[in-house]
């Protein structure tokens, strides 16, 4: 589904179809963003580094071993 399909449906007065298309487009984008974030979190579990959601920069965190030895 593409944005152009949504625009075409609006132009043709197909409000119900346009609404469904918009919902589908937004859901797909949200799902892609969620999948990307899940991958970032999974990587941080194995490297001991966290990625800031806003800046995309790595944040060093203490691992459980480091915390338990202190």
PDB file of N, CA and C in Angstrom:
ATOM      1  N   UNK A   1       0.822  -1.166   0.000  1.00  0.00           N
ATOM      2  CA  UNK A   1       0.000   0.000   0.000  1.00  0.00           C
ATOM      3  C   UNK A   1       0.881   1.249   0.000  1.00  0.00           C
ATOM      4  N   UNK A   2       0.455   2.211  -0.738  1.00  0.00           N
ATOM      5  CA  UNK A   2       1.248   3.417  -0.871  1.00  0.00           C
ATOM      6  C   UNK A   2       0.424   4.642  -0.534  1.00  0.00           C
ATOM      7  N   UNK A   3       1.130   5.713  -0.242  1.00  0.00           N
ATOM      8  CA  UNK A   3       0.485   6.976   0.066  1.00  0.00           C
ATOM      9  C   UNK A   3      -0.345   7.468  -1.110  1.00  0.00           C
ATOM     10  N   UNK A   4       0.123   7.204  -2.318  1.00  0.00           N
ATOM     11  CA  UNK A   4      -0.622   7.658  -3.502  1.00  0.00           C
ATOM     12  C   UNK A   4      -1.997   7.000  -3.588  1.00  0.00           C
ATOM     13  N   UNK A   5      -2.090   5.765  -3.142  1.00  0.00           N
ATOM     14  CA  UNK A   5      -3.388   5.082  -3.132  1.00  0.00           C
ATOM     15  C   UNK A   5      -4.339   5.798  -2.174  1.00  0.00           C
ATOM     16  N   UNK A   6      -3.826   6.199  -1.009  1.00  0.00           N
ATOM     17  CA  UNK A   6      -4.627   6.938  -0.037  1.00  0.00           C
ATOM     18  C   UNK A   6      -5.132   8.250  -0.640  1.00  0.00           C
ATOM     19  N   UNK A   7      -4.239   8.976  -1.303  1.00  0.00           N
ATOM     20  CA  UNK A   7      -4.600  10.259  -1.912  1.00  0.00           C
ATOM     21  C   UNK A   7      -5.639  10.063  -3.014  1.00  0.00           C
ATOM     22  N   UNK A   8      -5.453   9.031  -3.827  1.00  0.00           N
ATOM     23  CA  UNK A   8      -6.418   8.739  -4.894  1.00  0.00           C
ATOM     24  C   UNK A   8      -7.804   8.442  -4.321  1.00  0.00           C
ATOM     25  N   UNK A   9      -7.836   7.683  -3.240  1.00  0.00           N
ATOM     26  CA  UNK A   9      -9.116   7.355  -2.625  1.00  0.00           C
ATOM     27  C   UNK A   9      -9.798   8.611  -2.072  1.00  0.00           C
ATOM     28  N   UNK A  10      -9.028   9.500  -1.480  1.00  0.00           N
ATOM     29  CA  UNK A  10      -9.598  10.753  -0.997  1.00  0.00           C
ATOM     30  C   UNK A  10     -10.147  11.587  -2.147  1.00  0.00           C
ATOM     31  N   UNK A  11      -9.387  11.661  -3.219  1.00  0.00           N
ATOM     32  CA  UNK A  11      -9.797  12.459  -4.378  1.00  0.00           C
ATOM     33  C   UNK A  11     -11.075  11.913  -5.014  1.00  0.00           C
ATOM     34  N   UNK A  12     -11.259  10.604  -4.944  1.00  0.00           N
ATOM     35  CA  UNK A  12     -12.443   9.980  -5.531  1.00  0.00           C
ATOM     36  C   UNK A  12     -13.626   9.939  -4.561  1.00  0.00           C
ATOM     37  N   UNK A  13     -13.442  10.482  -3.353  1.00  0.00           N
ATOM     38  CA  UNK A  13     -14.521  10.520  -2.386  1.00  0.00           C
ATOM     39  C   UNK A  13     -14.773   9.208  -1.666  1.00  0.00           C
ATOM     40  N   UNK A  14     -13.793   8.329  -1.684  1.00  0.00           N
ATOM     41  CA  UNK A  14     -13.933   7.026  -1.027  1.00  0.00           C
ATOM     42  C   UNK A  14     -13.374   7.129   0.402  1.00  0.00           C
ATOM     43  N   UNK A  15     -14.121   7.817   1.254  1.00  0.00           N
ATOM     44  CA  UNK A  15     -13.650   8.117   2.609  1.00  0.00           C
ATOM     45  C   UNK A  15     -13.396   6.853   3.434  1.00  0.00           C
ATOM     46  N   UNK A  16     -14.280   5.896   3.367  1.00  0.00           N
ATOM     47  CA  UNK A  16     -14.121   4.669   4.160  1.00  0.00           C
ATOM     48  C   UNK A  16     -12.879   3.894   3.732  1.00  0.00           C
ATOM     49  N   UNK A  17     -12.688   3.785   2.419  1.00  0.00           N
ATOM     50  CA  UNK A  17     -11.500   3.091   1.911  1.00  0.00           C
ATOM     51  C   UNK A  17     -10.229   3.860   2.263  1.00  0.00           C
ATOM     52  N   UNK A  18     -10.289   5.181   2.170  1.00  0.00           N
ATOM     53  CA  UNK A  18      -9.128   6.010   2.497  1.00  0.00           C
ATOM     54  C   UNK A  18      -8.768   5.866   3.974  1.00  0.00           C
ATOM     55  N   UNK A  19      -9.777   5.807   4.817  1.00  0.00           N
ATOM     56  CA  UNK A  19      -9.535   5.629   6.255  1.00  0.00           C
ATOM     57  C   UNK A  19      -8.828   4.304   6.515  1.00  0.00           C
ATOM     58  N   UNK A  20      -9.287   3.242   5.881  1.00  0.00           N
ATOM     59  CA  UNK A  20      -8.672   1.926   6.064  1.00  0.00           C
ATOM     60  C   UNK A  20      -7.242   1.917   5.533  1.00  0.00           C
ATOM     61  N   UNK A  21      -7.031   2.557   4.391  1.00  0.00           N
ATOM     62  CA  UNK A  21      -5.692   2.633   3.817  1.00  0.00           C
ATOM     63  C   UNK A  21      -4.751   3.393   4.743  1.00  0.00           C
ATOM     64  N   UNK A  22      -5.218   4.509   5.284  1.00  0.00           N
ATOM     65  CA  UNK A  22      -4.407   5.285   6.214  1.00  0.00           C
ATOM     66  C   UNK A  22      -4.074   4.472   7.459  1.00  0.00           C
ATOM     67  N   UNK A  23      -5.050   3.773   7.994  1.00  0.00           N
ATOM     68  CA  UNK A  23      -4.822   2.921   9.159  1.00  0.00           C
ATOM     69  C   UNK A  23      -3.769   1.863   8.853  1.00  0.00           C
ATOM     70  N   UNK A  24      -3.869   1.253   7.691  1.00  0.00           N
ATOM     71  CA  UNK A  24      -2.902   0.235   7.293  1.00  0.00           C
ATOM     72  C   UNK A  24      -1.497   0.814   7.143  1.00  0.00           C
ATOM     73  N   UNK A  25      -1.403   1.997   6.535  1.00  0.00           N
ATOM     74  CA  UNK A  25      -0.103   2.648   6.356  1.00  0.00           C
ATOM     75  C   UNK A  25       0.537   2.978   7.699  1.00  0.00           C
ATOM     76  N   UNK A  26      -0.243   3.547   8.600  1.00  0.00           N
ATOM     77  CA  UNK A  26       0.286   3.911   9.918  1.00  0.00           C
ATOM     78  C   UNK A  26       0.674   2.678  10.726  1.00  0.00           C
ATOM     79  N   UNK A  27      -0.119   1.637  10.631  1.00  0.00           N
ATOM     80  CA  UNK A  27       0.199   0.396  11.337  1.00  0.00           C
ATOM     81  C   UNK A  27       1.496  -0.212  10.831  1.00  0.00           C
ATOM     82  N   UNK A  28       1.683  -0.198   9.526  1.00  0.00           N
ATOM     83  CA  UNK A  28       2.904  -0.752   8.942  1.00  0.00           C
ATOM     84  C   UNK A  28       4.131   0.032   9.392  1.00  0.00           C
ATOM     85  N   UNK A  29       4.016   1.356   9.422  1.00  0.00           N
ATOM     86  CA  UNK A  29       5.154   2.181   9.857  1.00  0.00           C
ATOM     87  C   UNK A  29       5.444   1.976  11.330  1.00  0.00           C
ATOM     88  N   UNK A  30       4.411   1.873  12.134  1.00  0.00           N
ATOM     89  CA  UNK A  30       4.604   1.643  13.568  1.00  0.00           C
ATOM     90  C   UNK A  30       5.248   0.286  13.805  1.00  0.00           C
ATOM     91  N   UNK A  31       4.819  -0.720  13.050  1.00  0.00           N
ATOM     92  CA  UNK A  31       5.385  -2.057  13.182  1.00  0.00           C
ATOM     93  C   UNK A  31       6.864  -2.056  12.804  1.00  0.00           C
ATOM     94  N   UNK A  32       7.216  -1.360  11.731  1.00  0.00           N
ATOM     95  CA  UNK A  32       8.622  -1.276  11.315  1.00  0.00           C
ATOM     96  C   UNK A  32       9.467  -0.588  12.379  1.00  0.00           C
ATOM     97  N   UNK A  33       8.941   0.476  12.960  1.00  0.00           N
ATOM     98  CA  UNK A  33       9.670   1.184  14.014  1.00  0.00           C
ATOM     99  C   UNK A  33       9.835   0.298  15.245  1.00  0.00           C
ATOM    100  N   UNK A  34       8.799  -0.443  15.582  1.00  0.00           N
ATOM    101  CA  UNK A  34       8.862  -1.342  16.721  1.00  0.00           C
ATOM    102  C   UNK A  34       9.885  -2.450  16.491  1.00  0.00           C
ATOM    103  N   UNK A  35       9.891  -2.999  15.303  1.00  0.00           N
ATOM    104  CA  UNK A  35      10.868  -4.050  14.987  1.00  0.00           C
ATOM    105  C   UNK A  35      12.303  -3.514  15.099  1.00  0.00           C
ATOM    106  N   UNK A  36      12.525  -2.306  14.606  1.00  0.00           N
ATOM    107  CA  UNK A  36      13.855  -1.703  14.709  1.00  0.00           C
ATOM    108  C   UNK A  36      14.263  -1.497  16.145  1.00  0.00           C
ATOM    109  N   UNK A  37      13.341  -1.031  16.966  1.00  0.00           N
ATOM    110  CA  UNK A  37      13.639  -0.811  18.386  1.00  0.00           C
ATOM    111  C   UNK A  37      13.896  -2.127  19.095  1.00  0.00           C
ATOM    112  N   UNK A  38      13.156  -3.162  18.752  1.00  0.00           N
ATOM    113  CA  UNK A  38      13.377  -4.476  19.351  1.00  0.00           C
ATOM    114  C   UNK A  38      14.774  -4.992  19.026  1.00  0.00           C
ATOM    115  N   UNK A  39      15.235  -4.758  17.806  1.00  0.00           N
ATOM    116  CA  UNK A  39      16.578  -5.177  17.428  1.00  0.00           C
ATOM    117  C   UNK A  39      17.627  -4.409  18.210  1.00  0.00           C
ATOM    118  N   UNK A  40      17.411  -3.094  18.391  1.00  0.00           N
ATOM    119  CA  UNK A  40      18.349  -2.299  19.177  1.00  0.00           C
ATOM    120  C   UNK A  40      18.426  -2.807  20.611  1.00  0.00           C
ATOM    121  N   UNK A  41      17.280  -3.107  21.199  1.00  0.00           N
ATOM    122  CA  UNK A  41      17.260  -3.607  22.573  1.00  0.00           C
ATOM    123  C   UNK A  41      17.927  -4.971  22.683  1.00  0.00           C
ATOM    124  N   UNK A  42      17.685  -5.819  21.704  1.00  0.00           N
ATOM    125  CA  UNK A  42      18.310  -7.138  21.717  1.00  0.00           C
ATOM    126  C   UNK A  42      19.823  -7.013  21.640  1.00  0.00           C
ATOM    127  N   UNK A  43      20.321  -6.117  20.823  1.00  0.00           N
ATOM    128  CA  UNK A  43      21.767  -5.913  20.724  1.00  0.00           C
ATOM    129  C   UNK A  43      22.328  -5.388  22.036  1.00  0.00           C
ATOM    130  N   UNK A  44      21.584  -4.504  22.699  1.00  0.00           N
ATOM    131  CA  UNK A  44      22.082  -3.933  23.941  1.00  0.00           C
ATOM    132  C   UNK A  44      22.155  -4.982  25.047  1.00  0.00           C
ATOM    133  N   UNK A  45      21.317  -6.001  24.981  1.00  0.00           N
ATOM    134  CA  UNK A  45      21.366  -7.053  25.985  1.00  0.00           C
ATOM    135  C   UNK A  45      22.675  -7.833  25.910  1.00  0.00           C
ATOM    136  N   UNK A  46      23.207  -7.983  24.724  1.00  0.00           N
ATOM    137  CA  UNK A  46      24.413  -8.775  24.543  1.00  0.00           C
ATOM    138  C   UNK A  46      25.696  -7.956  24.600  1.00  0.00           C
ATOM    139  N   UNK A  47      25.618  -6.663  24.387  1.00  0.00           N
ATOM    140  CA  UNK A  47      26.826  -5.843  24.392  1.00  0.00           C
ATOM    141  C   UNK A  47      27.002  -5.062  25.681  1.00  0.00           C
ATOM    142  N   UNK A  48      25.954  -4.976  26.499  1.00  0.00           N
ATOM    143  CA  UNK A  48      26.040  -4.201  27.725  1.00  0.00           C
ATOM    144  C   UNK A  48      25.929  -2.716  27.476  1.00  0.00           C
ATOM    145  N   UNK A  49      25.529  -2.338  26.274  1.00  0.00           N
ATOM    146  CA  UNK A  49      25.364  -0.934  25.932  1.00  0.00           C
ATOM    147  C   UNK A  49      23.919  -0.690  25.559  1.00  0.00           C
ATOM    148  N   UNK A  50      23.414   0.439  25.987  1.00  0.00           N
ATOM    149  CA  UNK A  50      22.048   0.814  25.673  1.00  0.00           C
ATOM    150  C   UNK A  50      22.076   1.942  24.658  1.00  0.00           C
ATOM    151  N   UNK A  51      21.104   1.974  23.766  1.00  0.00           N
ATOM    152  CA  UNK A  51      21.028   3.014  22.753  1.00  0.00           C
ATOM    153  C   UNK A  51      19.910   3.956  23.143  1.00  0.00           C
ATOM    154  N   UNK A  52      20.233   5.242  23.250  1.00  0.00           N
ATOM    155  CA  UNK A  52      19.241   6.253  23.586  1.00  0.00           C
ATOM    156  C   UNK A  52      18.230   6.349  22.452  1.00  0.00           C
ATOM    157  N   UNK A  53      16.955   6.256  22.785  1.00  0.00           N
ATOM    158  CA  UNK A  53      15.893   6.239  21.777  1.00  0.00           C
ATOM    159  C   UNK A  53      15.800   7.551  21.014  1.00  0.00           C
ATOM    160  N   UNK A  54      16.164   8.651  21.643  1.00  0.00           N
ATOM    161  CA  UNK A  54      16.011   9.948  20.990  1.00  0.00           C
ATOM    162  C   UNK A  54      17.234  10.333  20.167  1.00  0.00           C
ATOM    163  N   UNK A  55      18.421  10.109  20.711  1.00  0.00           N
ATOM    164  CA  UNK A  55      19.620  10.557  20.010  1.00  0.00           C
ATOM    165  C   UNK A  55      20.256   9.464  19.167  1.00  0.00           C
ATOM    166  N   UNK A  56      19.948   8.208  19.479  1.00  0.00           N
ATOM    167  CA  UNK A  56      20.557   7.103  18.747  1.00  0.00           C
ATOM    168  C   UNK A  56      21.984   6.807  19.186  1.00  0.00           C
ATOM    169  N   UNK A  57      22.448   7.483  20.249  1.00  0.00           N
ATOM    170  CA  UNK A  57      23.808   7.274  20.731  1.00  0.00           C
ATOM    171  C   UNK A  57      23.834   6.173  21.784  1.00  0.00           C
ATOM    172  N   UNK A  58      24.969   5.497  21.856  1.00  0.00           N
ATOM    173  CA  UNK A  58      25.113   4.431  22.830  1.00  0.00           C
ATOM    174  C   UNK A  58      25.328   5.015  24.220  1.00  0.00           C
ATOM    175  N   UNK A  59      24.729   4.350  25.194  1.00  0.00           N
ATOM    176  CA  UNK A  59      24.894   4.714  26.589  1.00  0.00           C
ATOM    177  C   UNK A  59      25.464   3.490  27.284  1.00  0.00           C
ATOM    178  N   UNK A  60      26.616   3.634  27.913  1.00  0.00           N
ATOM    179  CA  UNK A  60      27.196   2.495  28.607  1.00  0.00           C
ATOM    180  C   UNK A  60      26.429   2.230  29.879  1.00  0.00           C
ATOM    181  N   UNK A  61      26.103   0.973  30.108  1.00  0.00           N
ATOM    182  CA  UNK A  61      25.413   0.570  31.321  1.00  0.00           C
ATOM    183  C   UNK A  61      26.240  -0.500  32.001  1.00  0.00           C
ATOM    184  N   UNK A  62      26.023  -0.658  33.292  1.00  0.00           N
ATOM    185  CA  UNK A  62      26.735  -1.696  34.020  1.00  0.00           C
ATOM    186  C   UNK A  62      26.043  -3.031  33.786  1.00  0.00           C
ATOM    187  N   UNK A  63      26.849  -4.071  33.589  1.00  0.00           N
ATOM    188  CA  UNK A  63      26.275  -5.399  33.433  1.00  0.00           C
ATOM    189  C   UNK A  63      25.960  -5.947  34.813  1.00  0.00           C
ATOM    190  N   UNK A  64      25.219  -7.028  34.878  1.00  0.00           N
ATOM    191  CA  UNK A  64      24.871  -7.623  36.174  1.00  0.00           C
ATOM    192  C   UNK A  64      26.122  -8.067  36.924  1.00  0.00           C
ATOM    193  N   UNK A  65      27.123  -8.553  36.197  1.00  0.00           N
ATOM    194  CA  UNK A  65      28.370  -8.982  36.833  1.00  0.00           C
ATOM    195  C   UNK A  65      29.076  -7.814  37.489  1.00  0.00           C
ATOM    196  N   UNK A  66      29.114  -6.673  36.799  1.00  0.00           N
ATOM    197  CA  UNK A  66      29.772  -5.499  37.336  1.00  0.00           C
ATOM    198  C   UNK A  66      29.065  -5.000  38.591  1.00  0.00           C
ATOM    199  N   UNK A  67      27.763  -5.053  38.590  1.00  0.00           N
ATOM    200  CA  UNK A  67      26.990  -4.596  39.735  1.00  0.00           C
ATOM    201  C   UNK A  67      27.194  -5.519  40.921  1.00  0.00           C
ATOM    202  N   UNK A  68      27.206  -6.833  40.686  1.00  0.00           N
ATOM    203  CA  UNK A  68      27.309  -7.789  41.787  1.00  0.00           C
ATOM    204  C   UNK A  68      28.716  -7.807  42.403  1.00  0.00           C
ATOM    205  N   UNK A  69      29.751  -7.367  41.675  1.00  0.00           N
ATOM    206  CA  UNK A  69      31.114  -7.369  42.228  1.00  0.00           C
ATOM    207  C   UNK A  69      31.428  -6.085  42.967  1.00  0.00           C
ATOM    208  N   UNK A  70      30.538  -5.118  42.907  1.00  0.00           N
ATOM    209  CA  UNK A  70      30.800  -3.842  43.602  1.00  0.00           C
ATOM    210  C   UNK A  70      30.356  -3.881  45.033  1.00  0.00           C
TER     211      UNK A  70
END
